[in-house]
PDB file of all heavy atoms in Angstrom:
ATOM      1  N   TYR A   1      12.666  -7.955  24.605  1.00  0.00           N
ATOM      2  CA  TYR A   1      12.390  -6.514  24.402  1.00  0.00           C
ATOM      3  C   TYR A   1      11.799  -6.320  23.028  1.00  0.00           C
ATOM      4  O   TYR A   1      12.400  -6.921  22.101  1.00  0.00           O
ATOM      5  CB  TYR A   1      13.653  -5.759  24.852  1.00  0.00           C
ATOM      6  CG  TYR A   1      13.555  -4.274  24.340  1.00  0.00           C
ATOM      7  CD1 TYR A   1      12.965  -3.322  25.135  1.00  0.00           C
ATOM      8  CD2 TYR A   1      14.044  -3.853  23.104  1.00  0.00           C
ATOM      9  CE1 TYR A   1      12.944  -2.055  24.705  1.00  0.00           C
ATOM     10  CE2 TYR A   1      14.003  -2.617  22.711  1.00  0.00           C
ATOM     11  CZ  TYR A   1      13.487  -1.671  23.495  1.00  0.00           C
ATOM     12  OH  TYR A   1      13.451  -0.313  23.177  1.00  0.00           O
ATOM     13  N   TRP A   2      10.818  -5.583  23.023  1.00  0.00           N
ATOM     14  CA  TRP A   2      10.191  -5.357  21.645  1.00  0.00           C
ATOM     15  C   TRP A   2      10.240  -3.919  21.313  1.00  0.00           C
ATOM     16  O   TRP A   2       9.685  -3.065  22.153  1.00  0.00           O
ATOM     17  CB  TRP A   2       8.779  -5.929  21.529  1.00  0.00           C
ATOM     18  CG  TRP A   2       8.222  -5.925  20.232  1.00  0.00           C
ATOM     19  CD1 TRP A   2       8.476  -6.745  19.087  1.00  0.00           C
ATOM     20  CD2 TRP A   2       7.353  -4.884  19.812  1.00  0.00           C
ATOM     21  NE1 TRP A   2       7.681  -6.302  18.042  1.00  0.00           N
ATOM     22  CE2 TRP A   2       6.935  -5.180  18.425  1.00  0.00           C
ATOM     23  CE3 TRP A   2       6.671  -3.889  20.422  1.00  0.00           C
ATOM     24  CZ2 TRP A   2       6.141  -4.449  17.793  1.00  0.00           C
ATOM     25  CZ3 TRP A   2       5.731  -3.008  19.632  1.00  0.00           C
ATOM     26  CH2 TRP A   2       5.544  -3.344  18.346  1.00  0.00           C
ATOM     27  N   LYS A   3      10.531  -3.528  20.127  1.00  0.00           N
ATOM     28  CA  LYS A   3      10.431  -2.112  19.643  1.00  0.00           C
ATOM     29  C   LYS A   3      10.093  -2.035  18.110  1.00  0.00           C
ATOM     30  O   LYS A   3      10.650  -2.798  17.390  1.00  0.00           O
ATOM     31  CB  LYS A   3      11.765  -1.358  19.874  1.00  0.00           C
ATOM     32  CG  LYS A   3      11.492   0.047  19.550  1.00  0.00           C
ATOM     33  CD  LYS A   3      12.801   0.857  20.085  1.00  0.00           C
ATOM     34  CE  LYS A   3      12.614   2.287  19.580  1.00  0.00           C
ATOM     35  NZ  LYS A   3      13.240   3.201  20.258  1.00  0.00           N
ATOM     36  N   ASN A   4       9.182  -1.238  17.906  1.00  0.00           N
ATOM     37  CA  ASN A   4       8.768  -0.916  16.481  1.00  0.00           C
ATOM     38  C   ASN A   4       8.694   0.555  16.448  1.00  0.00           C
ATOM     39  O   ASN A   4       9.707   1.343  16.745  1.00  0.00           O
ATOM     40  CB  ASN A   4       7.557  -1.641  16.143  1.00  0.00           C
ATOM     41  CG  ASN A   4       7.280  -1.746  14.671  1.00  0.00           C
ATOM     42  OD1 ASN A   4       8.301  -1.411  13.882  1.00  0.00           O
ATOM     43  ND2 ASN A   4       6.063  -1.954  14.171  1.00  0.00           N
ATOM     44  N   LYS A   5       7.624   1.200  16.337  1.00  0.00           N
ATOM     45  CA  LYS A   5       7.389   2.573  16.529  1.00  0.00           C
ATOM     46  C   LYS A   5       7.434   3.004  18.079  1.00  0.00           C
ATOM     47  O   LYS A   5       8.062   3.944  18.440  1.00  0.00           O
ATOM     48  CB  LYS A   5       6.157   3.154  15.955  1.00  0.00           C
ATOM     49  CG  LYS A   5       5.801   4.504  15.983  1.00  0.00           C
ATOM     50  CD  LYS A   5       4.637   4.985  15.228  1.00  0.00           C
ATOM     51  CE  LYS A   5       4.397   6.565  15.516  1.00  0.00           C
ATOM     52  NZ  LYS A   5       3.082   6.888  14.862  1.00  0.00           N
ATOM     53  N   TYR A   6       6.809   2.201  18.836  1.00  0.00           N
ATOM     54  CA  TYR A   6       6.704   2.234  20.305  1.00  0.00           C
ATOM     55  C   TYR A   6       7.451   1.005  20.840  1.00  0.00           C
ATOM     56  O   TYR A   6       7.949   0.211  20.088  1.00  0.00           O
ATOM     57  CB  TYR A   6       5.405   2.396  20.892  1.00  0.00           C
ATOM     58  CG  TYR A   6       4.618   3.560  20.199  1.00  0.00           C
ATOM     59  CD1 TYR A   6       3.623   3.411  19.219  1.00  0.00           C
ATOM     60  CD2 TYR A   6       4.958   4.766  20.731  1.00  0.00           C
ATOM     61  CE1 TYR A   6       2.950   4.333  18.856  1.00  0.00           C
ATOM     62  CE2 TYR A   6       4.360   5.947  20.356  1.00  0.00           C
ATOM     63  CZ  TYR A   6       3.209   5.781  19.216  1.00  0.00           C
ATOM     64  OH  TYR A   6       2.558   6.767  18.848  1.00  0.00           O
ATOM     65  N   GLU A   7       7.532   0.800  22.154  1.00  0.00           N
ATOM     66  CA  GLU A   7       8.323  -0.235  22.715  1.00  0.00           C
ATOM     67  C   GLU A   7       7.591  -0.908  23.757  1.00  0.00           C
ATOM     68  O   GLU A   7       6.694  -0.348  24.433  1.00  0.00           O
ATOM     69  CB  GLU A   7       9.681   0.216  23.362  1.00  0.00           C
ATOM     70  CG  GLU A   7       9.525   1.008  24.461  1.00  0.00           C
ATOM     71  CD  GLU A   7      10.877   1.520  25.201  1.00  0.00           C
ATOM     72  OE1 GLU A   7      11.852   1.810  24.449  1.00  0.00           O
ATOM     73  OE2 GLU A   7      11.012   1.540  26.311  1.00  0.00           O
ATOM     74  N   VAL A   8       7.957  -2.087  24.086  1.00  0.00           N
ATOM     75  CA  VAL A   8       7.485  -2.874  25.184  1.00  0.00           C
ATOM     76  C   VAL A   8       8.700  -3.377  25.936  1.00  0.00           C
ATOM     77  O   VAL A   8       9.599  -3.932  25.410  1.00  0.00           O
ATOM     78  CB  VAL A   8       6.557  -4.141  24.803  1.00  0.00           C
ATOM     79  CG1 VAL A   8       6.260  -5.026  25.899  1.00  0.00           C
ATOM     80  CG2 VAL A   8       5.388  -3.670  24.074  1.00  0.00           C
ATOM     81  N   ASP A   9       8.654  -3.159  27.297  1.00  0.00           N
ATOM     82  CA  ASP A   9       9.903  -3.387  28.251  1.00  0.00           C
ATOM     83  C   ASP A   9      10.228  -4.867  28.147  1.00  0.00           C
ATOM     84  O   ASP A   9      11.489  -5.306  28.006  1.00  0.00           O
ATOM     85  CB  ASP A   9       9.592  -2.961  29.587  1.00  0.00           C
ATOM     86  CG  ASP A   9       9.509  -1.430  29.746  1.00  0.00           C
ATOM     87  OD1 ASP A   9      10.193  -0.703  28.960  1.00  0.00           O
ATOM     88  OD2 ASP A   9       8.861  -0.893  30.485  1.00  0.00           O
ATOM     89  N   PHE A  10       9.090  -5.729  28.379  1.00  0.00           N
ATOM     90  CA  PHE A  10       9.498  -7.145  28.351  1.00  0.00           C
ATOM     91  C   PHE A  10       8.412  -7.947  27.656  1.00  0.00           C
ATOM     92  O   PHE A  10       7.266  -7.603  27.767  1.00  0.00           O
ATOM     93  CB  PHE A  10       9.589  -7.723  29.808  1.00  0.00           C
ATOM     94  CG  PHE A  10      10.585  -6.962  30.683  1.00  0.00           C
ATOM     95  CD1 PHE A  10      10.291  -6.043  31.577  1.00  0.00           C
ATOM     96  CD2 PHE A  10      11.838  -7.383  30.471  1.00  0.00           C
ATOM     97  CE1 PHE A  10      11.189  -5.397  32.277  1.00  0.00           C
ATOM     98  CE2 PHE A  10      12.992  -6.620  31.277  1.00  0.00           C
ATOM     99  CZ  PHE A  10      12.563  -5.789  32.130  1.00  0.00           C
ATOM    100  N   VAL A  11       8.654  -9.102  26.971  1.00  0.00           N
ATOM    101  CA  VAL A  11       7.848  -9.914  26.454  1.00  0.00           C
ATOM    102  C   VAL A  11       8.141 -11.301  27.019  1.00  0.00           C
ATOM    103  O   VAL A  11       9.042 -11.933  26.884  1.00  0.00           O
ATOM    104  CB  VAL A  11       7.814 -10.094  24.839  1.00  0.00           C
ATOM    105  CG1 VAL A  11       6.831 -10.991  24.333  1.00  0.00           C
ATOM    106  CG2 VAL A  11       7.576  -8.706  24.261  1.00  0.00           C
ATOM    107  N   PHE A  12       7.111 -11.669  27.913  1.00  0.00           N
ATOM    108  CA  PHE A  12       7.335 -13.030  28.583  1.00  0.00           C
ATOM    109  C   PHE A  12       6.722 -14.131  27.612  1.00  0.00           C
ATOM    110  O   PHE A  12       5.484 -14.097  27.391  1.00  0.00           O
ATOM    111  CB  PHE A  12       6.513 -12.960  29.854  1.00  0.00           C
ATOM    112  CG  PHE A  12       6.746 -14.151  30.795  1.00  0.00           C
ATOM    113  CD1 PHE A  12       8.055 -14.390  31.484  1.00  0.00           C
ATOM    114  CD2 PHE A  12       5.842 -15.124  30.819  1.00  0.00           C
ATOM    115  CE1 PHE A  12       8.287 -15.323  32.256  1.00  0.00           C
ATOM    116  CE2 PHE A  12       6.068 -16.421  31.535  1.00  0.00           C
ATOM    117  CZ  PHE A  12       7.222 -16.385  32.249  1.00  0.00           C
ATOM    118  N   ASP A  13       7.577 -14.962  27.175  1.00  0.00           N
ATOM    119  CA  ASP A  13       7.120 -16.067  26.237  1.00  0.00           C
ATOM    120  C   ASP A  13       7.005 -17.339  27.288  1.00  0.00           C
ATOM    121  O   ASP A  13       7.868 -18.249  27.256  1.00  0.00           O
ATOM    122  CB  ASP A  13       8.180 -16.203  25.313  1.00  0.00           C
ATOM    123  CG  ASP A  13       7.703 -17.198  24.132  1.00  0.00           C
ATOM    124  OD1 ASP A  13       6.634 -17.719  24.200  1.00  0.00           O
ATOM    125  OD2 ASP A  13       8.485 -17.412  23.240  1.00  0.00           O
ATOM    126  N   GLY A  14       5.814 -17.577  27.720  1.00  0.00           N
ATOM    127  CA  GLY A  14       5.509 -18.822  28.437  1.00  0.00           C
ATOM    128  C   GLY A  14       4.610 -19.618  27.645  1.00  0.00           C
ATOM    129  O   GLY A  14       4.937 -20.031  26.562  1.00  0.00           O
ATOM    130  N   LYS A  15       3.432 -19.851  28.208  1.00  0.00           N
ATOM    131  CA  LYS A  15       2.482 -20.708  27.349  1.00  0.00           C
ATOM    132  C   LYS A  15       1.973 -19.784  26.295  1.00  0.00           C
ATOM    133  O   LYS A  15       1.515 -20.248  25.195  1.00  0.00           O
ATOM    134  CB  LYS A  15       1.423 -21.052  28.280  1.00  0.00           C
ATOM    135  CG  LYS A  15       1.759 -22.063  29.307  1.00  0.00           C
ATOM    136  CD  LYS A  15       0.659 -22.470  30.211  1.00  0.00           C
ATOM    137  CE  LYS A  15       1.271 -23.534  31.230  1.00  0.00           C
ATOM    138  NZ  LYS A  15       0.251 -23.806  32.263  1.00  0.00           N
ATOM    139  N   GLU A  16       1.877 -18.439  26.493  1.00  0.00           N
ATOM    140  CA  GLU A  16       1.622 -17.556  25.316  1.00  0.00           C
ATOM    141  C   GLU A  16       2.269 -16.251  25.538  1.00  0.00           C
ATOM    142  O   GLU A  16       2.924 -16.083  26.629  1.00  0.00           O
ATOM    143  CB  GLU A  16      -0.015 -17.202  25.323  1.00  0.00           C
ATOM    144  CG  GLU A  16      -0.446 -16.622  26.714  1.00  0.00           C
ATOM    145  CD  GLU A  16      -1.974 -16.612  26.774  1.00  0.00           C
ATOM    146  OE1 GLU A  16      -2.800 -17.460  26.504  1.00  0.00           O
ATOM    147  OE2 GLU A  16      -2.308 -15.474  27.047  1.00  0.00           O
ATOM    148  N   LEU A  17       2.384 -15.385  24.541  1.00  0.00           N
ATOM    149  CA  LEU A  17       3.207 -14.178  24.683  1.00  0.00           C
ATOM    150  C   LEU A  17       2.435 -13.217  25.646  1.00  0.00           C
ATOM    151  O   LEU A  17       1.127 -13.086  25.567  1.00  0.00           O
ATOM    152  CB  LEU A  17       3.331 -13.559  23.322  1.00  0.00           C
ATOM    153  CG  LEU A  17       4.271 -14.170  22.344  1.00  0.00           C
ATOM    154  CD1 LEU A  17       4.168 -13.424  21.008  1.00  0.00           C
ATOM    155  CD2 LEU A  17       5.611 -14.348  22.888  1.00  0.00           C
ATOM    156  N   LEU A  18       3.037 -12.593  26.473  1.00  0.00           N
ATOM    157  CA  LEU A  18       2.512 -11.704  27.457  1.00  0.00           C
ATOM    158  C   LEU A  18       3.409 -10.392  27.460  1.00  0.00           C
ATOM    159  O   LEU A  18       4.510 -10.348  27.997  1.00  0.00           O
ATOM    160  CB  LEU A  18       2.521 -12.174  28.871  1.00  0.00           C
ATOM    161  CG  LEU A  18       1.868 -11.309  29.918  1.00  0.00           C
ATOM    162  CD1 LEU A  18       0.403 -11.003  29.773  1.00  0.00           C
ATOM    163  CD2 LEU A  18       2.024 -11.998  31.347  1.00  0.00           C
ATOM    164  N   PRO A  19       2.948  -9.248  26.968  1.00  0.00           N
ATOM    165  CA  PRO A  19       3.694  -8.061  27.158  1.00  0.00           C
ATOM    166  C   PRO A  19       3.712  -7.512  28.419  1.00  0.00           C
ATOM    167  O   PRO A  19       2.553  -7.372  28.962  1.00  0.00           O
ATOM    168  CB  PRO A  19       3.055  -7.230  26.007  1.00  0.00           C
ATOM    169  CG  PRO A  19       1.732  -7.596  25.838  1.00  0.00           C
ATOM    170  CD  PRO A  19       1.645  -9.088  26.252  1.00  0.00           C
ATOM    171  N   VAL A  20       4.784  -7.044  28.987  1.00  0.00           N
ATOM    172  CA  VAL A  20       4.863  -6.420  30.405  1.00  0.00           C
ATOM    173  C   VAL A  20       5.575  -5.043  30.235  1.00  0.00           C
ATOM    174  O   VAL A  20       6.732  -5.078  29.731  1.00  0.00           O
ATOM    175  CB  VAL A  20       5.623  -7.338  31.255  1.00  0.00           C
ATOM    176  CG1 VAL A  20       5.736  -6.601  32.742  1.00  0.00           C
ATOM    177  CG2 VAL A  20       5.061  -8.768  31.402  1.00  0.00           C
ATOM    178  N   GLU A  21       4.852  -4.095  30.595  1.00  0.00           N
ATOM    179  CA  GLU A  21       5.548  -2.637  30.527  1.00  0.00           C
ATOM    180  C   GLU A  21       5.625  -2.167  31.936  1.00  0.00           C
ATOM    181  O   GLU A  21       4.729  -2.277  32.711  1.00  0.00           O
ATOM    182  CB  GLU A  21       4.528  -1.812  29.746  1.00  0.00           C
ATOM    183  CG  GLU A  21       4.886  -0.437  29.428  1.00  0.00           C
ATOM    184  CD  GLU A  21       6.094  -0.369  28.539  1.00  0.00           C
ATOM    185  OE1 GLU A  21       6.301  -1.236  27.699  1.00  0.00           O
ATOM    186  OE2 GLU A  21       6.910   0.686  28.553  1.00  0.00           O
ATOM    187  N   ILE A  22       6.707  -1.392  32.178  1.00  0.00           N
ATOM    188  CA  ILE A  22       6.950  -0.729  33.576  1.00  0.00           C
ATOM    189  C   ILE A  22       6.659   0.660  33.329  1.00  0.00           C
ATOM    190  O   ILE A  22       7.253   1.342  32.566  1.00  0.00           O
ATOM    191  CB  ILE A  22       8.528  -0.972  33.944  1.00  0.00           C
ATOM    192  CG1 ILE A  22       8.935  -2.398  33.711  1.00  0.00           C
ATOM    193  CG2 ILE A  22       8.537  -0.467  35.340  1.00  0.00           C
ATOM    194  CD1 ILE A  22       8.124  -3.519  34.320  1.00  0.00           C
ATOM    195  N   LYS A  23       5.629   1.209  34.110  1.00  0.00           N
ATOM    196  CA  LYS A  23       5.244   2.462  34.253  1.00  0.00           C
ATOM    197  C   LYS A  23       5.243   2.978  35.638  1.00  0.00           C
ATOM    198  O   LYS A  23       4.188   3.247  36.347  1.00  0.00           O
ATOM    199  CB  LYS A  23       3.888   2.820  33.612  1.00  0.00           C
ATOM    200  CG  LYS A  23       3.923   2.475  32.104  1.00  0.00           C
ATOM    201  CD  LYS A  23       4.617   3.398  31.297  1.00  0.00           C
ATOM    202  CE  LYS A  23       4.486   3.186  29.819  1.00  0.00           C
ATOM    203  NZ  LYS A  23       5.202   3.883  28.989  1.00  0.00           N
ATOM    204  N   TYR A  24       6.405   3.001  36.335  1.00  0.00           N
ATOM    205  CA  TYR A  24       6.497   3.433  37.804  1.00  0.00           C
ATOM    206  C   TYR A  24       6.440   4.891  37.965  1.00  0.00           C
ATOM    207  O   TYR A  24       7.395   5.506  38.119  1.00  0.00           O
ATOM    208  CB  TYR A  24       7.728   2.790  38.282  1.00  0.00           C
ATOM    209  CG  TYR A  24       7.735   2.660  39.777  1.00  0.00           C
ATOM    210  CD1 TYR A  24       6.965   1.782  40.383  1.00  0.00           C
ATOM    211  CD2 TYR A  24       8.451   3.560  40.596  1.00  0.00           C
ATOM    212  CE1 TYR A  24       6.839   1.605  41.822  1.00  0.00           C
ATOM    213  CE2 TYR A  24       8.408   3.430  42.011  1.00  0.00           C
ATOM    214  CZ  TYR A  24       7.655   2.442  42.618  1.00  0.00           C
ATOM    215  OH  TYR A  24       7.520   2.436  43.991  1.00  0.00           O
ATOM    216  N   ARG A  25       5.273   5.452  37.792  1.00  0.00           N
ATOM    217  CA  ARG A  25       5.056   6.991  37.943  1.00  0.00           C
ATOM    218  C   ARG A  25       3.599   7.110  38.352  1.00  0.00           C
ATOM    219  O   ARG A  25       2.669   6.326  38.380  1.00  0.00           O
ATOM    220  CB  ARG A  25       5.447   7.628  36.727  1.00  0.00           C
ATOM    221  CG  ARG A  25       4.703   7.146  35.554  1.00  0.00           C
ATOM    222  CD  ARG A  25       5.207   8.072  34.383  1.00  0.00           C
ATOM    223  NE  ARG A  25       4.679   7.562  33.128  1.00  0.00           N
ATOM    224  CZ  ARG A  25       5.240   7.032  32.185  1.00  0.00           C
ATOM    225  NH1 ARG A  25       6.662   6.965  32.159  1.00  0.00           N
ATOM    226  NH2 ARG A  25       4.714   6.734  31.032  1.00  0.00           N
ATOM    227  N   GLU A  26       3.351   8.395  38.568  1.00  0.00           N
ATOM    228  CA  GLU A  26       1.943   8.785  39.036  1.00  0.00           C
ATOM    229  C   GLU A  26       0.835   8.613  37.970  1.00  0.00           C
ATOM    230  O   GLU A  26      -0.263   8.127  38.311  1.00  0.00           O
ATOM    231  CB  GLU A  26       1.956  10.251  39.444  1.00  0.00           C
ATOM    232  CG  GLU A  26       2.729  10.618  40.647  1.00  0.00           C
ATOM    233  CD  GLU A  26       2.305   9.814  41.872  1.00  0.00           C
ATOM    234  OE1 GLU A  26       1.116   9.619  42.118  1.00  0.00           O
ATOM    235  OE2 GLU A  26       3.245   9.361  42.566  1.00  0.00           O
ATOM    236  N   ASN A  27       1.117   8.801  36.656  1.00  0.00           N
ATOM    237  CA  ASN A  27       0.177   8.585  35.674  1.00  0.00           C
ATOM    238  C   ASN A  27       0.540   7.493  34.615  1.00  0.00           C
ATOM    239  O   ASN A  27       1.314   7.858  33.656  1.00  0.00           O
ATOM    240  CB  ASN A  27      -0.132   9.966  34.947  1.00  0.00           C
ATOM    241  CG  ASN A  27      -1.209   9.795  33.920  1.00  0.00           C
ATOM    242  OD1 ASN A  27      -2.008   8.739  33.799  1.00  0.00           O
ATOM    243  ND2 ASN A  27      -1.417  10.805  33.115  1.00  0.00           N
ATOM    244  N   PRO A  28       0.373   6.217  34.797  1.00  0.00           N
ATOM    245  CA  PRO A  28       0.880   5.129  33.979  1.00  0.00           C
ATOM    246  C   PRO A  28       0.010   4.766  32.779  1.00  0.00           C
ATOM    247  O   PRO A  28      -0.070   3.670  32.386  1.00  0.00           O
ATOM    248  CB  PRO A  28       0.954   4.045  34.939  1.00  0.00           C
ATOM    249  CG  PRO A  28      -0.284   4.177  35.805  1.00  0.00           C
ATOM    250  CD  PRO A  28      -0.428   5.657  35.926  1.00  0.00           C
ATOM    251  N   ARG A  29      -0.707   5.791  32.238  1.00  0.00           N
ATOM    252  CA  ARG A  29      -1.657   5.480  31.044  1.00  0.00           C
ATOM    253  C   ARG A  29      -1.155   5.370  29.726  1.00  0.00           C
ATOM    254  O   ARG A  29      -1.957   4.988  28.868  1.00  0.00           O
ATOM    255  CB  ARG A  29      -2.760   6.573  31.259  1.00  0.00           C
ATOM    256  CG  ARG A  29      -3.603   6.761  32.470  1.00  0.00           C
ATOM    257  CD  ARG A  29      -4.400   5.551  32.739  1.00  0.00           C
ATOM    258  NE  ARG A  29      -5.097   5.593  34.001  1.00  0.00           N
ATOM    259  CZ  ARG A  29      -5.960   4.680  34.507  1.00  0.00           C
ATOM    260  NH1 ARG A  29      -6.142   3.566  33.837  1.00  0.00           N
ATOM    261  NH2 ARG A  29      -6.629   4.856  35.590  1.00  0.00           N
ATOM    262  N   ASP A  30       0.045   5.853  29.542  1.00  0.00           N
ATOM    263  CA  ASP A  30       0.661   5.759  28.146  1.00  0.00           C
ATOM    264  C   ASP A  30       0.962   4.280  27.838  1.00  0.00           C
ATOM    265  O   ASP A  30       2.067   3.710  28.317  1.00  0.00           O
ATOM    266  CB  ASP A  30       1.883   6.620  28.142  1.00  0.00           C
ATOM    267  CG  ASP A  30       2.569   6.561  26.746  1.00  0.00           C
ATOM    268  OD1 ASP A  30       1.880   6.192  25.758  1.00  0.00           O
ATOM    269  OD2 ASP A  30       3.734   6.880  26.721  1.00  0.00           O
ATOM    270  N   VAL A  31       0.132   3.680  27.066  1.00  0.00           N
ATOM    271  CA  VAL A  31       0.351   2.235  26.793  1.00  0.00           C
ATOM    272  C   VAL A  31       0.408   2.049  25.198  1.00  0.00           C
ATOM    273  O   VAL A  31       0.008   0.914  24.837  1.00  0.00           O
ATOM    274  CB  VAL A  31      -0.819   1.409  27.458  1.00  0.00           C
ATOM    275  CG1 VAL A  31      -0.597   1.203  28.933  1.00  0.00           C
ATOM    276  CG2 VAL A  31      -2.133   1.822  27.092  1.00  0.00           C
ATOM    277  N   LYS A  32       0.831   2.900  24.568  1.00  0.00           N
ATOM    278  CA  LYS A  32       0.919   2.828  22.985  1.00  0.00           C
ATOM    279  C   LYS A  32       1.804   1.568  22.550  1.00  0.00           C
ATOM    280  O   LYS A  32       1.323   0.979  21.672  1.00  0.00           O
ATOM    281  CB  LYS A  32       1.485   4.005  22.482  1.00  0.00           C
ATOM    282  CG  LYS A  32       0.660   5.258  22.766  1.00  0.00           C
ATOM    283  CD  LYS A  32       1.431   6.630  22.303  1.00  0.00           C
ATOM    284  CE  LYS A  32       0.629   7.842  22.597  1.00  0.00           C
ATOM    285  NZ  LYS A  32       1.237   9.012  22.371  1.00  0.00           N
ATOM    286  N   GLY A  33       2.816   1.222  23.230  1.00  0.00           N
ATOM    287  CA  GLY A  33       3.647   0.116  22.917  1.00  0.00           C
ATOM    288  C   GLY A  33       2.920  -1.124  23.031  1.00  0.00           C
ATOM    289  O   GLY A  33       3.059  -2.039  22.250  1.00  0.00           O
ATOM    290  N   ILE A  34       2.146  -1.276  24.175  1.00  0.00           N
ATOM    291  CA  ILE A  34       1.333  -2.528  24.449  1.00  0.00           C
ATOM    292  C   ILE A  34       0.298  -2.690  23.354  1.00  0.00           C
ATOM    293  O   ILE A  34       0.100  -3.693  22.788  1.00  0.00           O
ATOM    294  CB  ILE A  34       0.794  -2.481  25.833  1.00  0.00           C
ATOM    295  CG1 ILE A  34       1.803  -2.593  26.838  1.00  0.00           C
ATOM    296  CG2 ILE A  34      -0.442  -3.470  25.957  1.00  0.00           C
ATOM    297  CD1 ILE A  34       1.679  -3.539  27.985  1.00  0.00           C
ATOM    298  N   ILE A  35      -0.347  -1.530  22.974  1.00  0.00           N
ATOM    299  CA  ILE A  35      -1.421  -1.607  21.929  1.00  0.00           C
ATOM    300  C   ILE A  35      -0.827  -2.062  20.634  1.00  0.00           C
ATOM    301  O   ILE A  35      -1.227  -2.885  19.945  1.00  0.00           O
ATOM    302  CB  ILE A  35      -2.100  -0.353  21.882  1.00  0.00           C
ATOM    303  CG1 ILE A  35      -2.829   0.137  23.212  1.00  0.00           C
ATOM    304  CG2 ILE A  35      -3.172  -0.361  20.762  1.00  0.00           C
ATOM    305  CD1 ILE A  35      -3.849  -0.957  23.714  1.00  0.00           C
ATOM    306  N   GLU A  36       0.273  -1.334  20.170  1.00  0.00           N
ATOM    307  CA  GLU A  36       0.835  -1.860  18.974  1.00  0.00           C
ATOM    308  C   GLU A  36       1.476  -3.250  18.996  1.00  0.00           C
ATOM    309  O   GLU A  36       1.184  -3.959  17.940  1.00  0.00           O
ATOM    310  CB  GLU A  36       2.169  -0.832  18.841  1.00  0.00           C
ATOM    311  CG  GLU A  36       2.811  -0.989  17.456  1.00  0.00           C
ATOM    312  CD  GLU A  36       4.007  -0.232  17.198  1.00  0.00           C
ATOM    313  OE1 GLU A  36       4.675   0.184  18.375  1.00  0.00           O
ATOM    314  OE2 GLU A  36       4.465   0.098  16.082  1.00  0.00           O
ATOM    315  N   PHE A  37       2.116  -3.639  19.995  1.00  0.00           N
ATOM    316  CA  PHE A  37       2.497  -5.065  20.111  1.00  0.00           C
ATOM    317  C   PHE A  37       1.375  -6.065  20.031  1.00  0.00           C
ATOM    318  O   PHE A  37       1.444  -6.937  19.310  1.00  0.00           O
ATOM    319  CB  PHE A  37       3.346  -5.182  21.472  1.00  0.00           C
ATOM    320  CG  PHE A  37       3.775  -6.639  21.570  1.00  0.00           C
ATOM    321  CD1 PHE A  37       5.014  -7.061  21.142  1.00  0.00           C
ATOM    322  CD2 PHE A  37       2.990  -7.602  22.317  1.00  0.00           C
ATOM    323  CE1 PHE A  37       5.447  -8.456  21.240  1.00  0.00           C
ATOM    324  CE2 PHE A  37       3.310  -8.842  22.448  1.00  0.00           C
ATOM    325  CZ  PHE A  37       4.567  -9.335  21.899  1.00  0.00           C
ATOM    326  N   SER A  38       0.221  -5.732  20.669  1.00  0.00           N
ATOM    327  CA  SER A  38      -0.873  -6.663  20.717  1.00  0.00           C
ATOM    328  C   SER A  38      -1.510  -6.616  19.390  1.00  0.00           C
ATOM    329  O   SER A  38      -2.107  -7.729  19.088  1.00  0.00           O
ATOM    330  CB  SER A  38      -1.902  -6.078  21.857  1.00  0.00           C
ATOM    331  OG  SER A  38      -1.317  -6.165  23.088  1.00  0.00           O
ATOM    332  N   LYS A  39      -1.671  -5.651  18.681  1.00  0.00           N
ATOM    333  CA  LYS A  39      -2.241  -5.684  17.260  1.00  0.00           C
ATOM    334  C   LYS A  39      -1.277  -6.384  16.314  1.00  0.00           C
ATOM    335  O   LYS A  39      -1.825  -7.178  15.478  1.00  0.00           O
ATOM    336  CB  LYS A  39      -2.428  -4.242  16.790  1.00  0.00           C
ATOM    337  CG  LYS A  39      -3.614  -3.523  17.524  1.00  0.00           C
ATOM    338  CD  LYS A  39      -4.015  -2.207  17.024  1.00  0.00           C
ATOM    339  CE  LYS A  39      -5.034  -1.664  17.639  1.00  0.00           C
ATOM    340  NZ  LYS A  39      -5.851  -0.728  16.924  1.00  0.00           N
ATOM    341  N   ASN A  40       0.007  -6.230  16.445  1.00  0.00           N
ATOM    342  CA  ASN A  40       0.857  -7.030  15.545  1.00  0.00           C
ATOM    343  C   ASN A  40       1.043  -8.515  15.843  1.00  0.00           C
ATOM    344  O   ASN A  40       1.121  -9.210  14.844  1.00  0.00           O
ATOM    345  CB  ASN A  40       2.247  -6.411  15.704  1.00  0.00           C
ATOM    346  CG  ASN A  40       2.480  -5.115  14.996  1.00  0.00           C
ATOM    347  OD1 ASN A  40       1.774  -4.695  14.228  1.00  0.00           O
ATOM    348  ND2 ASN A  40       3.626  -4.394  15.387  1.00  0.00           N
ATOM    349  N   PHE A  41       0.704  -8.945  16.968  1.00  0.00           N
ATOM    350  CA  PHE A  41       0.812 -10.410  17.424  1.00  0.00           C
ATOM    351  C   PHE A  41      -0.480 -10.874  17.828  1.00  0.00           C
ATOM    352  O   PHE A  41      -0.496 -12.089  18.372  1.00  0.00           O
ATOM    353  CB  PHE A  41       1.885 -10.537  18.369  1.00  0.00           C
ATOM    354  CG  PHE A  41       3.272 -10.231  18.024  1.00  0.00           C
ATOM    355  CD1 PHE A  41       3.839  -8.971  18.247  1.00  0.00           C
ATOM    356  CD2 PHE A  41       4.077 -11.072  17.200  1.00  0.00           C
ATOM    357  CE1 PHE A  41       5.061  -8.572  17.754  1.00  0.00           C
ATOM    358  CE2 PHE A  41       5.264 -10.739  16.681  1.00  0.00           C
ATOM    359  CZ  PHE A  41       5.782  -9.536  17.004  1.00  0.00           C
TER     360      PHE A  41
END
């Protein structure tokens, strides 16, 4: 699990890091955590 200012639900560490976010709702467009994580790593 990763958290800084925003969060990412799961970080799958296989051959490369893969952030996985769960947005089980009608409008899943809030991806600030994924963007922040992706920029940091």
